[in-house]
Each structure stands twice: as C-alpha cells, then as structure tokens.
C-alpha atoms as a PDB file:
ATOM      1  CA  MET A   1     -13.647   4.175 -18.559  1.00  0.00           C
ATOM      2  CA  ARG A   2     -15.647   7.416 -17.158  1.00  0.00           C
ATOM      3  CA  PRO A   3     -17.376   9.766 -19.370  1.00  0.00           C
ATOM      4  CA  PHE A   4     -15.012  12.778 -20.014  1.00  0.00           C
ATOM      5  CA  ASN A   5     -14.953  16.107 -22.207  1.00  0.00           C
ATOM      6  CA  TYR A   6     -12.955  16.422 -25.011  1.00  0.00           C
ATOM      7  CA  SER A   7     -11.420  19.424 -27.084  1.00  0.00           C
ATOM      8  CA  ARG A   8      -8.665  20.073 -29.922  1.00  0.00           C
ATOM      9  CA  ALA A   9      -6.678  22.765 -28.982  1.00  0.00           C
ATOM     10  CA  GLU A  10      -5.360  24.997 -31.965  1.00  0.00           C
ATOM     11  CA  THR A  11      -2.639  26.858 -30.799  1.00  0.00           C
ATOM     12  CA  GLU A  12      -0.414  26.705 -27.342  1.00  0.00           C
ATOM     13  CA  LYS A  13      -2.300  29.296 -25.679  1.00  0.00           C
ATOM     14  CA  GLU A  14      -5.952  27.081 -26.452  1.00  0.00           C
ATOM     15  CA  ALA A  15      -3.895  23.880 -24.766  1.00  0.00           C
ATOM     16  CA  ALA A  16      -2.278  25.772 -21.807  1.00  0.00           C
ATOM     17  CA  ASP A  17      -5.487  27.582 -21.261  1.00  0.00           C
ATOM     18  CA  ALA A  18      -7.001  24.303 -21.216  1.00  0.00           C
ATOM     19  CA  GLY A  19      -4.658  22.609 -18.821  1.00  0.00           C
ATOM     20  CA  SER A  20      -4.703  25.496 -16.505  1.00  0.00           C
ATOM     21  CA  ASP A  21      -8.621  25.170 -16.439  1.00  0.00           C
ATOM     22  CA  GLY A  22      -7.419  20.933 -15.298  1.00  0.00           C
ATOM     23  CA  ALA A  23      -7.951  19.536 -18.522  1.00  0.00           C
ATOM     24  CA  THR A  24      -5.054  16.751 -19.399  1.00  0.00           C
ATOM     25  CA  PHE A  25      -2.707  17.154 -22.491  1.00  0.00           C
ATOM     26  CA  ILE A  26      -2.949  13.943 -25.139  1.00  0.00           C
ATOM     27  CA  ALA A  27      -1.163  13.492 -28.118  1.00  0.00           C
ATOM     28  CA  GLY A  28       0.132   9.992 -29.059  1.00  0.00           C
ATOM     29  CA  GLY A  29      -1.897   8.417 -26.119  1.00  0.00           C
ATOM     30  CA  THR A  30       0.024   5.248 -25.681  1.00  0.00           C
ATOM     31  CA  ASN A  31       0.418   5.705 -22.237  1.00  0.00           C
ATOM     32  CA  LEU A  32      -2.383   7.895 -21.082  1.00  0.00           C
ATOM     33  CA  LEU A  33      -5.550   5.598 -23.094  1.00  0.00           C
ATOM     34  CA  ASP A  34      -4.355   2.404 -20.741  1.00  0.00           C
ATOM     35  CA  LEU A  35      -4.487   4.748 -17.832  1.00  0.00           C
ATOM     36  CA  MET A  36      -7.576   5.735 -18.439  1.00  0.00           C
ATOM     37  CA  LYS A  37      -9.360   2.098 -19.524  1.00  0.00           C
ATOM     38  CA  LEU A  38      -7.970   0.790 -15.961  1.00  0.00           C
ATOM     39  CA  GLU A  39      -8.622   3.974 -13.993  1.00  0.00           C
ATOM     40  CA  VAL A  40      -6.144   4.858 -12.504  1.00  0.00           C
ATOM     41  CA  MET A  41      -6.236   8.001 -14.615  1.00  0.00           C
ATOM     42  CA  THR A  42      -9.509   9.553 -14.522  1.00  0.00           C
ATOM     43  CA  PRO A  43      -9.263  13.224 -15.944  1.00  0.00           C
ATOM     44  CA  ASP A  44     -12.730  15.113 -16.577  1.00  0.00           C
ATOM     45  CA  ALA A  45     -11.021  16.801 -19.684  1.00  0.00           C
ATOM     46  CA  LEU A  46      -8.782  16.467 -22.441  1.00  0.00           C
ATOM     47  CA  VAL A  47      -7.600  18.805 -24.724  1.00  0.00           C
ATOM     48  CA  ASP A  48      -5.582  17.162 -27.753  1.00  0.00           C
ATOM     49  CA  ILE A  49      -2.807  18.930 -29.002  1.00  0.00           C
ATOM     50  CA  ASN A  50      -2.216  17.051 -32.215  1.00  0.00           C
ATOM     51  CA  PRO A  51      -3.090  20.388 -34.369  1.00  0.00           C
ATOM     52  CA  LEU A  52      -0.563  21.947 -32.900  1.00  0.00           C
ATOM     53  CA  ASP A  53       3.004  23.160 -34.922  1.00  0.00           C
ATOM     54  CA  LEU A  54       5.031  21.238 -32.748  1.00  0.00           C
ATOM     55  CA  LYS A  55       5.817  18.372 -35.451  1.00  0.00           C
ATOM     56  CA  SER A  56       9.359  19.686 -36.781  1.00  0.00           C
ATOM     57  CA  ILE A  57      13.308  18.625 -36.467  1.00  0.00           C
ATOM     58  CA  SER A  58      15.407  21.547 -36.794  1.00  0.00           C
ATOM     59  CA  THR A  59      19.035  22.570 -36.369  1.00  0.00           C
ATOM     60  CA  THR A  60      19.804  25.516 -33.489  1.00  0.00           C
ATOM     61  CA  ASP A  61      22.077  28.243 -34.196  1.00  0.00           C
ATOM     62  CA  ASP A  62      24.620  26.833 -32.072  1.00  0.00           C
ATOM     63  CA  GLY A  63      24.339  23.890 -33.883  1.00  0.00           C
ATOM     64  CA  GLY A  64      21.988  21.226 -32.221  1.00  0.00           C
ATOM     65  CA  LEU A  65      18.856  20.022 -32.753  1.00  0.00           C
ATOM     66  CA  ARG A  66      15.133  21.095 -31.610  1.00  0.00           C
ATOM     67  CA  ILE A  67      13.324  18.212 -31.714  1.00  0.00           C
ATOM     68  CA  GLY A  68       9.726  19.574 -31.266  1.00  0.00           C
ATOM     69  CA  ALA A  69       7.099  17.832 -28.797  1.00  0.00           C
ATOM     70  CA  LEU A  70       4.877  16.363 -30.880  1.00  0.00           C
ATOM     71  CA  VAL A  71       7.358  14.193 -33.384  1.00  0.00           C
ATOM     72  CA  THR A  72       7.016  10.701 -32.858  1.00  0.00           C
ATOM     73  CA  ASN A  73       8.787   8.460 -31.735  1.00  0.00           C
ATOM     74  CA  SER A  74       9.180   6.643 -35.296  1.00  0.00           C
ATOM     75  CA  ASP A  75      10.471   9.424 -37.065  1.00  0.00           C
ATOM     76  CA  CYS A  76      12.990  11.024 -34.812  1.00  0.00           C
ATOM     77  CA  ALA A  77      14.788   7.785 -34.322  1.00  0.00           C
ATOM     78  CA  ALA A  78      14.478   7.920 -38.394  1.00  0.00           C
ATOM     79  CA  ASP A  79      16.005  11.010 -39.082  1.00  0.00           C
ATOM     80  CA  GLN A  80      19.311  11.237 -40.957  1.00  0.00           C
ATOM     81  CA  ARG A  81      20.993  14.057 -38.486  1.00  0.00           C
ATOM     82  CA  VAL A  82      19.502  12.160 -35.020  1.00  0.00           C
ATOM     83  CA  ARG A  83      21.363   8.618 -36.522  1.00  0.00           C
ATOM     84  CA  HIS A  84      24.466  10.612 -37.444  1.00  0.00           C
ATOM     85  CA  ASP A  85      24.976  12.763 -34.834  1.00  0.00           C
ATOM     86  CA  TYR A  86      23.322  11.488 -31.448  1.00  0.00           C
ATOM     87  CA  PRO A  87      22.904   7.414 -32.881  1.00  0.00           C
ATOM     88  CA  VAL A  88      22.466   6.588 -28.633  1.00  0.00           C
ATOM     89  CA  LEU A  89      18.894   8.438 -29.399  1.00  0.00           C
ATOM     90  CA  SER A  90      17.899   6.377 -32.310  1.00  0.00           C
ATOM     91  CA  LYS A  91      19.295   3.048 -30.630  1.00  0.00           C
ATOM     92  CA  ALA A  92      17.270   3.726 -27.352  1.00  0.00           C
ATOM     93  CA  ILE A  93      13.895   4.569 -29.139  1.00  0.00           C
ATOM     94  CA  LEU A  94      13.941   1.697 -31.312  1.00  0.00           C
ATOM     95  CA  ALA A  95      14.804  -0.607 -27.811  1.00  0.00           C
ATOM     96  CA  GLY A  96      11.162   0.525 -27.124  1.00  0.00           C
ATOM     97  CA  ALA A  97       8.403  -0.498 -27.259  1.00  0.00           C
ATOM     98  CA  SER A  98       6.950  -1.597 -31.001  1.00  0.00           C
ATOM     99  CA  GLY A  99       6.983  -0.160 -33.760  1.00  0.00           C
ATOM    100  CA  GLN A 100       3.377   0.428 -33.851  1.00  0.00           C
ATOM    101  CA  LEU A 101       3.489   2.624 -30.387  1.00  0.00           C
ATOM    102  CA  ARG A 102       6.804   4.242 -31.553  1.00  0.00           C
ATOM    103  CA  ASN A 103       4.448   5.465 -34.648  1.00  0.00           C
ATOM    104  CA  LYS A 104       1.867   6.963 -32.407  1.00  0.00           C
ATOM    105  CA  ALA A 105       4.219   7.434 -29.203  1.00  0.00           C
ATOM    106  CA  THR A 106       5.389  11.845 -29.059  1.00  0.00           C
ATOM    107  CA  THR A 107       8.589  12.861 -28.092  1.00  0.00           C
ATOM    108  CA  GLY A 108       6.782  14.946 -25.027  1.00  0.00           C
ATOM    109  CA  GLY A 109       4.547  12.159 -24.473  1.00  0.00           C
ATOM    110  CA  ASN A 110       7.236   9.772 -23.804  1.00  0.00           C
ATOM    111  CA  LEU A 111       8.931  12.198 -21.254  1.00  0.00           C
ATOM    112  CA  CYS A 112       5.537  11.891 -19.502  1.00  0.00           C
ATOM    113  CA  GLN A 113       5.025   8.241 -19.473  1.00  0.00           C
ATOM    114  CA  ARG A 114       4.295   6.922 -15.869  1.00  0.00           C
ATOM    115  CA  THR A 115       5.991   4.227 -14.063  1.00  0.00           C
ATOM    116  CA  ARG A 116       4.669   0.368 -14.716  1.00  0.00           C
ATOM    117  CA  CYS A 117       4.991  -1.102 -11.410  1.00  0.00           C
ATOM    118  CA  TYR A 118       2.260  -3.718 -10.462  1.00  0.00           C
ATOM    119  CA  TYR A 119       0.724  -1.752  -7.917  1.00  0.00           C
ATOM    120  CA  PHE A 120       0.311   1.672  -9.602  1.00  0.00           C
ATOM    121  CA  TYR A 121      -1.774  -0.153 -12.133  1.00  0.00           C
ATOM    122  CA  ASP A 122      -3.895  -2.380  -9.783  1.00  0.00           C
ATOM    123  CA  THR A 123      -6.556   0.005  -8.236  1.00  0.00           C
ATOM    124  CA  ALA A 124      -7.340  -2.577  -5.700  1.00  0.00           C
ATOM    125  CA  MET A 125      -3.634  -2.818  -3.942  1.00  0.00           C
ATOM    126  CA  PRO A 126      -2.153   0.753  -2.235  1.00  0.00           C
ATOM    127  CA  CYS A 127       0.252   3.192  -4.391  1.00  0.00           C
ATOM    128  CA  ASN A 128       1.275   6.363  -2.783  1.00  0.00           C
ATOM    129  CA  LYS A 129       1.767   7.743  -6.491  1.00  0.00           C
ATOM    130  CA  ARG A 130      -1.845   6.803  -7.462  1.00  0.00           C
ATOM    131  CA  GLU A 131      -3.347   7.704  -4.012  1.00  0.00           C
ATOM    132  CA  PRO A 132      -1.025   9.439  -1.776  1.00  0.00           C
ATOM    133  CA  GLY A 133      -1.031   8.520   1.458  1.00  0.00           C
ATOM    134  CA  SER A 134      -2.408   4.881   0.941  1.00  0.00           C
ATOM    135  CA  GLY A 135       0.651   3.489   1.278  1.00  0.00           C
ATOM    136  CA  CYS A 136       3.828   1.292  -1.307  1.00  0.00           C
ATOM    137  CA  GLY A 137       2.077  -2.103  -1.811  1.00  0.00           C
ATOM    138  CA  ALA A 138       5.583  -3.067  -3.674  1.00  0.00           C
ATOM    139  CA  ILE A 139       7.632  -2.352  -0.268  1.00  0.00           C
ATOM    140  CA  GLY A 140       7.325  -5.853   0.816  1.00  0.00           C
ATOM    141  CA  GLY A 141       5.502  -6.857  -2.205  1.00  0.00           C
ATOM    142  CA  VAL A 142       6.547  -8.181  -6.011  1.00  0.00           C
ATOM    143  CA  ASN A 143       9.357  -6.024  -6.856  1.00  0.00           C
ATOM    144  CA  ARG A 144      11.108  -7.258  -9.526  1.00  0.00           C
ATOM    145  CA  LEU A 145      10.926  -4.506 -11.429  1.00  0.00           C
ATOM    146  CA  HIS A 146      11.762  -1.937  -8.867  1.00  0.00           C
ATOM    147  CA  ALA A 147      14.565   0.412  -8.050  1.00  0.00           C
ATOM    148  CA  ILE A 148      17.437   0.112  -6.223  1.00  0.00           C
ATOM    149  CA  LEU A 149      18.746   3.482  -6.401  1.00  0.00           C
ATOM    150  CA  GLY A 150      16.775   6.977  -5.037  1.00  0.00           C
ATOM    151  CA  ALA A 151      13.535   5.259  -3.781  1.00  0.00           C
ATOM    152  CA  SER A 152      12.426   6.171  -0.558  1.00  0.00           C
ATOM    153  CA  ASP A 153       9.639   4.899   2.111  1.00  0.00           C
ATOM    154  CA  ALA A 154       6.987   6.584   0.025  1.00  0.00           C
ATOM    155  CA  CYS A 155       7.675   4.747  -3.323  1.00  0.00           C
ATOM    156  CA  ILE A 156      10.177   2.253  -5.049  1.00  0.00           C
ATOM    157  CA  ALA A 157       8.688   2.403  -8.477  1.00  0.00           C
ATOM    158  CA  THR A 158      10.874   2.932 -11.581  1.00  0.00           C
ATOM    159  CA  TYR A 159      10.837   5.395 -14.431  1.00  0.00           C
ATOM    160  CA  PRO A 160      10.396   2.994 -17.434  1.00  0.00           C
ATOM    161  CA  GLY A 161      11.388   5.294 -20.374  1.00  0.00           C
ATOM    162  CA  ASP A 162      14.134   4.357 -22.901  1.00  0.00           C
ATOM    163  CA  MET A 163      14.400   7.698 -24.387  1.00  0.00           C
ATOM    164  CA  ALA A 164      14.893  10.335 -21.229  1.00  0.00           C
ATOM    165  CA  VAL A 165      17.732   7.679 -20.743  1.00  0.00           C
ATOM    166  CA  ALA A 166      19.983   8.422 -23.912  1.00  0.00           C
ATOM    167  CA  LEU A 167      18.796  12.156 -23.643  1.00  0.00           C
ATOM    168  CA  SER A 168      20.180  12.581 -19.861  1.00  0.00           C
ATOM    169  CA  ALA A 169      23.816  11.261 -21.666  1.00  0.00           C
ATOM    170  CA  LEU A 170      23.089  13.926 -24.095  1.00  0.00           C
ATOM    171  CA  ASP A 171      22.814  16.635 -22.260  1.00  0.00           C
ATOM    172  CA  ALA A 172      19.341  17.403 -23.682  1.00  0.00           C
ATOM    173  CA  SER A 173      17.169  19.844 -22.103  1.00  0.00           C
ATOM    174  CA  VAL A 174      13.339  20.336 -22.140  1.00  0.00           C
ATOM    175  CA  GLU A 175      11.346  23.195 -23.672  1.00  0.00           C
ATOM    176  CA  ILE A 176       8.450  24.326 -21.310  1.00  0.00           C
ATOM    177  CA  ARG A 177       5.661  27.086 -21.999  1.00  0.00           C
ATOM    178  CA  SER A 178       3.808  27.811 -18.878  1.00  0.00           C
ATOM    179  CA  ALA A 179       0.273  28.367 -18.302  1.00  0.00           C
ATOM    180  CA  ASN A 180       1.193  32.708 -18.563  1.00  0.00           C
ATOM    181  CA  GLY A 181       3.100  31.805 -21.622  1.00  0.00           C
ATOM    182  CA  ASN A 182       6.561  32.050 -20.284  1.00  0.00           C
ATOM    183  CA  MET A 183       8.674  29.977 -21.680  1.00  0.00           C
ATOM    184  CA  ARG A 184      11.633  27.801 -19.363  1.00  0.00           C
ATOM    185  CA  SER A 185      14.276  25.193 -20.547  1.00  0.00           C
ATOM    186  CA  VAL A 186      14.502  22.125 -17.964  1.00  0.00           C
ATOM    187  CA  PRO A 187      17.511  19.571 -18.407  1.00  0.00           C
ATOM    188  CA  VAL A 188      16.387  16.098 -18.965  1.00  0.00           C
ATOM    189  CA  THR A 189      18.449  15.368 -16.109  1.00  0.00           C
ATOM    190  CA  ASP A 190      16.479  17.600 -13.607  1.00  0.00           C
ATOM    191  CA  PHE A 191      12.917  16.823 -15.731  1.00  0.00           C
ATOM    192  CA  HIS A 192      12.005  13.665 -13.552  1.00  0.00           C
ATOM    193  CA  ARG A 193      11.728  14.172  -9.576  1.00  0.00           C
ATOM    194  CA  LEU A 194      12.592  11.490  -7.214  1.00  0.00           C
ATOM    195  CA  PRO A 195       9.959  10.041  -5.346  1.00  0.00           C
ATOM    196  CA  GLY A 196      11.002  11.554  -1.417  1.00  0.00           C
ATOM    197  CA  ASP A 197       7.060  11.992  -0.137  1.00  0.00           C
ATOM    198  CA  THR A 198       5.201  13.425  -3.173  1.00  0.00           C
ATOM    199  CA  PRO A 199       5.653   9.933  -5.206  1.00  0.00           C
ATOM    200  CA  GLU A 200       2.414  11.375  -7.198  1.00  0.00           C
ATOM    201  CA  LYS A 201       4.644  14.120  -8.634  1.00  0.00           C
ATOM    202  CA  ASP A 202       6.458  12.630 -11.623  1.00  0.00           C
ATOM    203  CA  ASN A 203       8.375  15.541 -12.903  1.00  0.00           C
ATOM    204  CA  VAL A 204       8.548  18.997 -13.021  1.00  0.00           C
ATOM    205  CA  LEU A 205       5.807  19.746 -14.988  1.00  0.00           C
ATOM    206  CA  GLU A 206       2.976  22.370 -13.204  1.00  0.00           C
ATOM    207  CA  THR A 207      -0.253  22.691 -14.129  1.00  0.00           C
ATOM    208  CA  GLY A 208      -0.725  24.401 -17.549  1.00  0.00           C
ATOM    209  CA  ASP A 209       2.980  23.356 -18.571  1.00  0.00           C
ATOM    210  CA  LEU A 210       3.087  22.580 -22.093  1.00  0.00           C
ATOM    211  CA  ILE A 211       6.386  20.573 -23.571  1.00  0.00           C
ATOM    212  CA  THR A 212       7.207  22.490 -26.767  1.00  0.00           C
ATOM    213  CA  ALA A 213      10.308  20.803 -27.420  1.00  0.00           C
ATOM    214  CA  VAL A 214      13.634  19.088 -26.481  1.00  0.00           C
ATOM    215  CA  THR A 215      16.785  20.723 -27.288  1.00  0.00           C
ATOM    216  CA  LEU A 216      20.156  18.863 -28.004  1.00  0.00           C
ATOM    217  CA  PRO A 217      23.570  20.509 -27.611  1.00  0.00           C
ATOM    218  CA  PRO A 218      25.703  20.423 -30.708  1.00  0.00           C
ATOM    219  CA  PRO A 219      26.706  16.934 -32.101  1.00  0.00           C
ATOM    220  CA  PRO A 220      29.546  15.433 -29.397  1.00  0.00           C
ATOM    221  CA  GLY A 221      30.690  13.061 -31.422  1.00  0.00           C
ATOM    222  CA  GLY A 222      32.413   9.938 -29.578  1.00  0.00           C
ATOM    223  CA  THR A 223      31.028   6.930 -29.111  1.00  0.00           C
ATOM    224  CA  HIS A 224      27.230   5.810 -28.456  1.00  0.00           C
ATOM    225  CA  VAL A 225      26.617   2.568 -26.788  1.00  0.00           C
ATOM    226  CA  TYR A 226      22.450   1.945 -25.406  1.00  0.00           C
ATOM    227  CA  ARG A 227      22.473  -1.412 -23.818  1.00  0.00           C
ATOM    228  CA  LYS A 228      18.874  -2.679 -22.702  1.00  0.00           C
ATOM    229  CA  VAL A 229      18.771  -5.470 -20.554  1.00  0.00           C
ATOM    230  CA  ARG A 230      15.047  -7.134 -20.368  1.00  0.00           C
ATOM    231  CA  ASP A 231      13.499 -10.309 -19.785  1.00  0.00           C
ATOM    232  CA  ARG A 232      13.022 -10.256 -23.451  1.00  0.00           C
ATOM    233  CA  SER A 233      14.237  -9.304 -26.586  1.00  0.00           C
ATOM    234  CA  SER A 234      10.881  -6.985 -27.733  1.00  0.00           C
ATOM    235  CA  TYR A 235       8.238  -4.946 -25.987  1.00  0.00           C
ATOM    236  CA  ALA A 236       9.508  -4.979 -22.539  1.00  0.00           C
ATOM    237  CA  PHE A 237      11.310  -2.739 -20.251  1.00  0.00           C
ATOM    238  CA  ALA A 238      14.483  -2.436 -19.177  1.00  0.00           C
ATOM    239  CA  LEU A 239      15.559  -4.461 -15.724  1.00  0.00           C
ATOM    240  CA  VAL A 240      18.504  -2.341 -16.611  1.00  0.00           C
ATOM    241  CA  SER A 241      19.633   0.517 -19.168  1.00  0.00           C
ATOM    242  CA  VAL A 242      22.707   2.251 -19.771  1.00  0.00           C
ATOM    243  CA  ALA A 243      23.414   4.865 -22.510  1.00  0.00           C
ATOM    244  CA  ALA A 244      26.948   6.230 -23.035  1.00  0.00           C
ATOM    245  CA  VAL A 245      28.814   8.985 -25.244  1.00  0.00           C
ATOM    246  CA  ALA A 246      32.644   8.407 -24.816  1.00  0.00           C
ATOM    247  CA  LYS A 247      35.579  10.387 -26.435  1.00  0.00           C
ATOM    248  CA  MET A 248      39.072   8.738 -26.291  1.00  0.00           C
ATOM    249  CA  GLU A 249      42.452  10.216 -26.920  1.00  0.00           C
ATOM    250  CA  ASN A 250      45.522   8.759 -26.423  1.00  0.00           C
ATOM    251  CA  GLY A 251      44.512   5.957 -25.181  1.00  0.00           C
ATOM    252  CA  LYS A 252      42.699   7.655 -22.069  1.00  0.00           C
ATOM    253  CA  ILE A 253      38.647   8.571 -21.785  1.00  0.00           C
ATOM    254  CA  SER A 254      38.703  12.749 -22.417  1.00  0.00           C
ATOM    255  CA  GLY A 255      35.222  12.823 -21.844  1.00  0.00           C
ATOM    256  CA  ILE A 256      31.930  10.343 -21.596  1.00  0.00           C
ATOM    257  CA  ARG A 257      28.543  11.019 -20.362  1.00  0.00           C
ATOM    258  CA  LEU A 258      26.763   8.052 -18.327  1.00  0.00           C
ATOM    259  CA  ALA A 259      23.266   7.675 -17.330  1.00  0.00           C
ATOM    260  CA  PHE A 260      20.807   4.117 -16.341  1.00  0.00           C
ATOM    261  CA  GLY A 261      17.370   3.515 -16.510  1.00  0.00           C
ATOM    262  CA  GLY A 262      15.949   0.885 -14.840  1.00  0.00           C
ATOM    263  CA  ILE A 263      17.367   1.119 -11.504  1.00  0.00           C
ATOM    264  CA  ALA A 264      15.572   4.292  -9.951  1.00  0.00           C
ATOM    265  CA  HIS A 265      12.413   6.651 -10.059  1.00  0.00           C
ATOM    266  CA  LYS A 266      13.940   8.418 -13.082  1.00  0.00           C
ATOM    267  CA  PRO A 267      16.531   8.758 -15.226  1.00  0.00           C
ATOM    268  CA  TRP A 268      19.784   8.215 -13.440  1.00  0.00           C
ATOM    269  CA  HIS A 269      23.130  10.280 -13.669  1.00  0.00           C
ATOM    270  CA  ASP A 270      25.737  10.245 -11.123  1.00  0.00           C
ATOM    271  CA  PRO A 271      28.616  12.691 -12.333  1.00  0.00           C
ATOM    272  CA  ALA A 272      30.791  11.086  -9.815  1.00  0.00           C
ATOM    273  CA  VAL A 273      30.598   7.888 -12.186  1.00  0.00           C
ATOM    274  CA  GLU A 274      32.100   9.997 -15.361  1.00  0.00           C
ATOM    275  CA  ASP A 275      34.409  12.004 -12.995  1.00  0.00           C
ATOM    276  CA  VAL A 276      36.370   8.680 -11.650  1.00  0.00           C
ATOM    277  CA  LEU A 277      36.563   7.681 -15.476  1.00  0.00           C
ATOM    278  CA  THR A 278      37.584  11.035 -17.265  1.00  0.00           C
ATOM    279  CA  GLY A 279      41.343  11.083 -17.498  1.00  0.00           C
ATOM    280  CA  GLU A 280      42.015   7.182 -17.455  1.00  0.00           C
ATOM    281  CA  SER A 281      42.844   4.393 -19.217  1.00  0.00           C
ATOM    282  CA  PRO A 282      40.527   1.761 -20.197  1.00  0.00           C
ATOM    283  CA  SER A 283      40.791  -1.267 -17.452  1.00  0.00           C
ATOM    284  CA  GLU A 284      38.588  -4.075 -15.860  1.00  0.00           C
ATOM    285  CA  ALA A 285      39.846  -2.017 -12.468  1.00  0.00           C
ATOM    286  CA  LEU A 286      38.487   1.412 -13.703  1.00  0.00           C
ATOM    287  CA  PHE A 287      35.285  -0.238 -14.653  1.00  0.00           C
ATOM    288  CA  ASP A 288      34.866  -2.083 -11.360  1.00  0.00           C
ATOM    289  CA  LYS A 289      35.420   1.644  -9.689  1.00  0.00           C
ATOM    290  CA  ALA A 290      32.964   3.384 -11.394  1.00  0.00           C
ATOM    291  CA  GLY A 291      30.390   0.417 -10.487  1.00  0.00           C
ATOM    292  CA  GLU A 292      31.376   0.944  -6.929  1.00  0.00           C
ATOM    293  CA  ILE A 293      30.589   4.717  -7.292  1.00  0.00           C
ATOM    294  CA  LEU A 294      27.394   4.009  -8.856  1.00  0.00           C
ATOM    295  CA  LEU A 295      25.922   1.612  -6.620  1.00  0.00           C
ATOM    296  CA  LYS A 296      27.435   2.737  -2.897  1.00  0.00           C
ATOM    297  CA  ASP A 297      23.892   3.756  -1.937  1.00  0.00           C
ATOM    298  CA  ALA A 298      21.962   1.084  -3.628  1.00  0.00           C
ATOM    299  CA  ILE A 299      19.245  -1.104  -1.981  1.00  0.00           C
ATOM    300  CA  GLY A 300      17.338  -4.234  -2.889  1.00  0.00           C
ATOM    301  CA  GLN A 301      14.462  -4.724  -1.811  1.00  0.00           C
ATOM    302  CA  GLY A 302      14.645  -8.653  -2.252  1.00  0.00           C
ATOM    303  CA  SER A 303      13.232  -9.957  -5.605  1.00  0.00           C
ATOM    304  CA  ASN A 304      15.480  -6.947  -7.439  1.00  0.00           C
ATOM    305  CA  ASP A 305      18.616  -7.772  -5.619  1.00  0.00           C
ATOM    306  CA  PHE A 306      19.732  -8.905  -8.574  1.00  0.00           C
ATOM    307  CA  LYS A 307      19.605  -5.589 -10.354  1.00  0.00           C
ATOM    308  CA  ILE A 308      23.128  -4.483  -8.113  1.00  0.00           C
ATOM    309  CA  PRO A 309      25.170  -6.829  -9.603  1.00  0.00           C
ATOM    310  CA  LEU A 310      23.361  -6.626 -12.873  1.00  0.00           C
ATOM    311  CA  ALA A 311      24.265  -2.939 -12.729  1.00  0.00           C
ATOM    312  CA  ARG A 312      27.095  -3.334 -12.565  1.00  0.00           C
ATOM    313  CA  ARG A 313      28.161  -5.579 -15.142  1.00  0.00           C
ATOM    314  CA  THR A 314      25.885  -3.820 -17.681  1.00  0.00           C
ATOM    315  CA  LEU A 315      28.022  -1.041 -16.641  1.00  0.00           C
ATOM    316  CA  SER A 316      31.242  -3.033 -17.365  1.00  0.00           C
ATOM    317  CA  ALA A 317      30.168  -4.180 -20.851  1.00  0.00           C
ATOM    318  CA  VAL A 318      28.752  -0.965 -22.305  1.00  0.00           C
ATOM    319  CA  LEU A 319      32.296   1.018 -20.985  1.00  0.00           C
ATOM    320  CA  ARG A 320      34.377  -1.877 -22.881  1.00  0.00           C
ATOM    321  CA  GLN A 321      32.173  -1.303 -25.997  1.00  0.00           C
ATOM    322  CA  ALA A 322      32.323   2.538 -25.492  1.00  0.00           C
ATOM    323  CA  THR A 323      36.074   2.472 -24.898  1.00  0.00           C
ATOM    324  CA  ALA A 324      36.975  -0.011 -27.570  1.00  0.00           C
ATOM    325  CA  SER A 325      38.832  -1.400 -25.113  1.00  0.00           C
ATOM    326  CA  GLY A 326      39.538  -5.117 -22.921  1.00  0.00           C
ATOM    327  CA  ALA A 327      40.406  -6.497 -19.479  1.00  0.00           C
ATOM    328  CA  SER A 328      44.141  -4.730 -18.641  1.00  0.00           C
ATOM    329  CA  ALA A 329      46.453  -5.920 -16.212  1.00  0.00           C
END
C-alpha cells in the first residue's frame, strides 16, 4: 500500500472542501481498502466522514423515508419501517456480502462500490476503467460475470451491488451536496452511468460531491420480491438479480416497478418492460413477452451467454411470485 494522508471531517463543508482538493471519502471502507491494498486505487489523501451527522433514518414530509448516507447496511435492513414498508430493500441488502461487512458498509458507500471485474482488480491486465485507453481484457477474455446489456467496446463490466437494484425498483433518489454547498437530488436510476467511451466514470458524482442521504417515496404497497441468482448461497455477487414491486387489482397488474442486477454496468431499469405488464392479467405468455422486451438488445460475450436465458427465466419466476399467479392458458 502506498503512503497517504488521513484526516477526519467534522462537518459536511470540511468533507466537501477536502474532496475538492482531491481527497477520497472513506466511511466503512469495505470496498475502498481492498482496492487500495491491490493498488487499483491509490488516493493521496483520505478524509474520514464518519463524524458527520448522517447516521439516522427519518420520515419525510410526504411520508417517505430519508436514509442517511452513513446508515449501515445492517441498520437499514433491520429498521422496522424499511422491513414493513419497503421490504424489497431489506431483502436485497440481506442478500449481499456477509453480516460482518453489512455491519460496516454504509448506504452512500454501497452506492459507490466498484465493479468486481477480474481485469479491473488485476493491475497486470488491461482495463479501461482502471487505466483509460489500455483496453478491455474482458472482451474476448474471461467474462462469465459480465454485462449483456448496455455494454460498450470500451467496457463490459457489471455493477455488483444489490441495494441499488432495490432502490431503483422503489424509485428512490440520491441526495448530493456539491462542493459549493448546493444540494441536488438524482434518481437512483440516473445515478450510475453506462460505460460508453468513459468507463472510468462509474456515476454522476463530481469532484467534491458528497452523498448525504437516499430518499424513498411514500410506501408503494403491493408485493415486494427480490431474487438473486448466484454461484453459491452466500457471499457471492449476482449473476442475475431482479427486484419487483407489484400491485394487483381485479386480477390484473395495476402497477409494477422492476430493476435488474448483474446484467449491466448499472442497475438496469427498462420502463418498456413495466408498460407491457401494466393493465394485463398475469400469464406465462405475458411474462415471456416481458422477457423478450427486456433482452431484445442483449449481447453475450461467450462465457456469459447463459445470462440471457437465465435473466428471462428469473424474470418469469419473479413475476409469478409478485403477481401470485401461475401459468395460464
């Protein structure tokens, strides 16, 4: 590990000022410290933001929830309001990592975790995300975990998290304090970026930006499902994951939100899939149609070709559960 300076920020302004000067924020450090040990990330300065007053979960004026950026994953998943009103979020968090990591990982840090692409972690290999212009070793290489949607010629890595997939299905927003003190709110569905020709940019954060909270709209009701398909039952990243929040009325799907993990550079949300389902009676034919729309532009890279039928089957299974319906003729 290379030498670096360490400081603690007592206020959001101190943190933002340090960030503007090039310091990297650290809270739980569950991803950052690993990357520093491997010299994938080599910050000259770290600013510890744990002293900031961002550790509470509170009710918003419109009846939603505001989850502070420093709320740990364990505390968020265990919160009674989250478990009762937003169970898909609790389920997704509990499907990720291990209990020890969830005790340290924070809401803001979870959103900012970086890809687990083998080539990104191996500094001896080419990676446009780690070293722009060096190439993408995963294209034509070992790519079993990689993207089937939204990839580019520069990068086919996937976003590894679970929490953000559920937040996308819940139509959540990320509250961000800019370096100049201005506040803005970004929908979670717009927070992460597709790689394009700048895969080194994971999200929309600018220099000095500090995530202060995630806000959830009023409880959506309905049935909440999170299904994660992975190589082993714990401590493994998703091959495919699906978060769903569905409402039924008179035997028809009156409303549905869907988000997908493990298949793209960001949590994947396609409104066209929701549109084809809304107002319809659940059936296997309808679920198949939704899968076709979701995967119409999917491209396998060889070793990950299996993700295309896997995503289709996983979506169908989630829709059956979310709509409490089996196949119909």
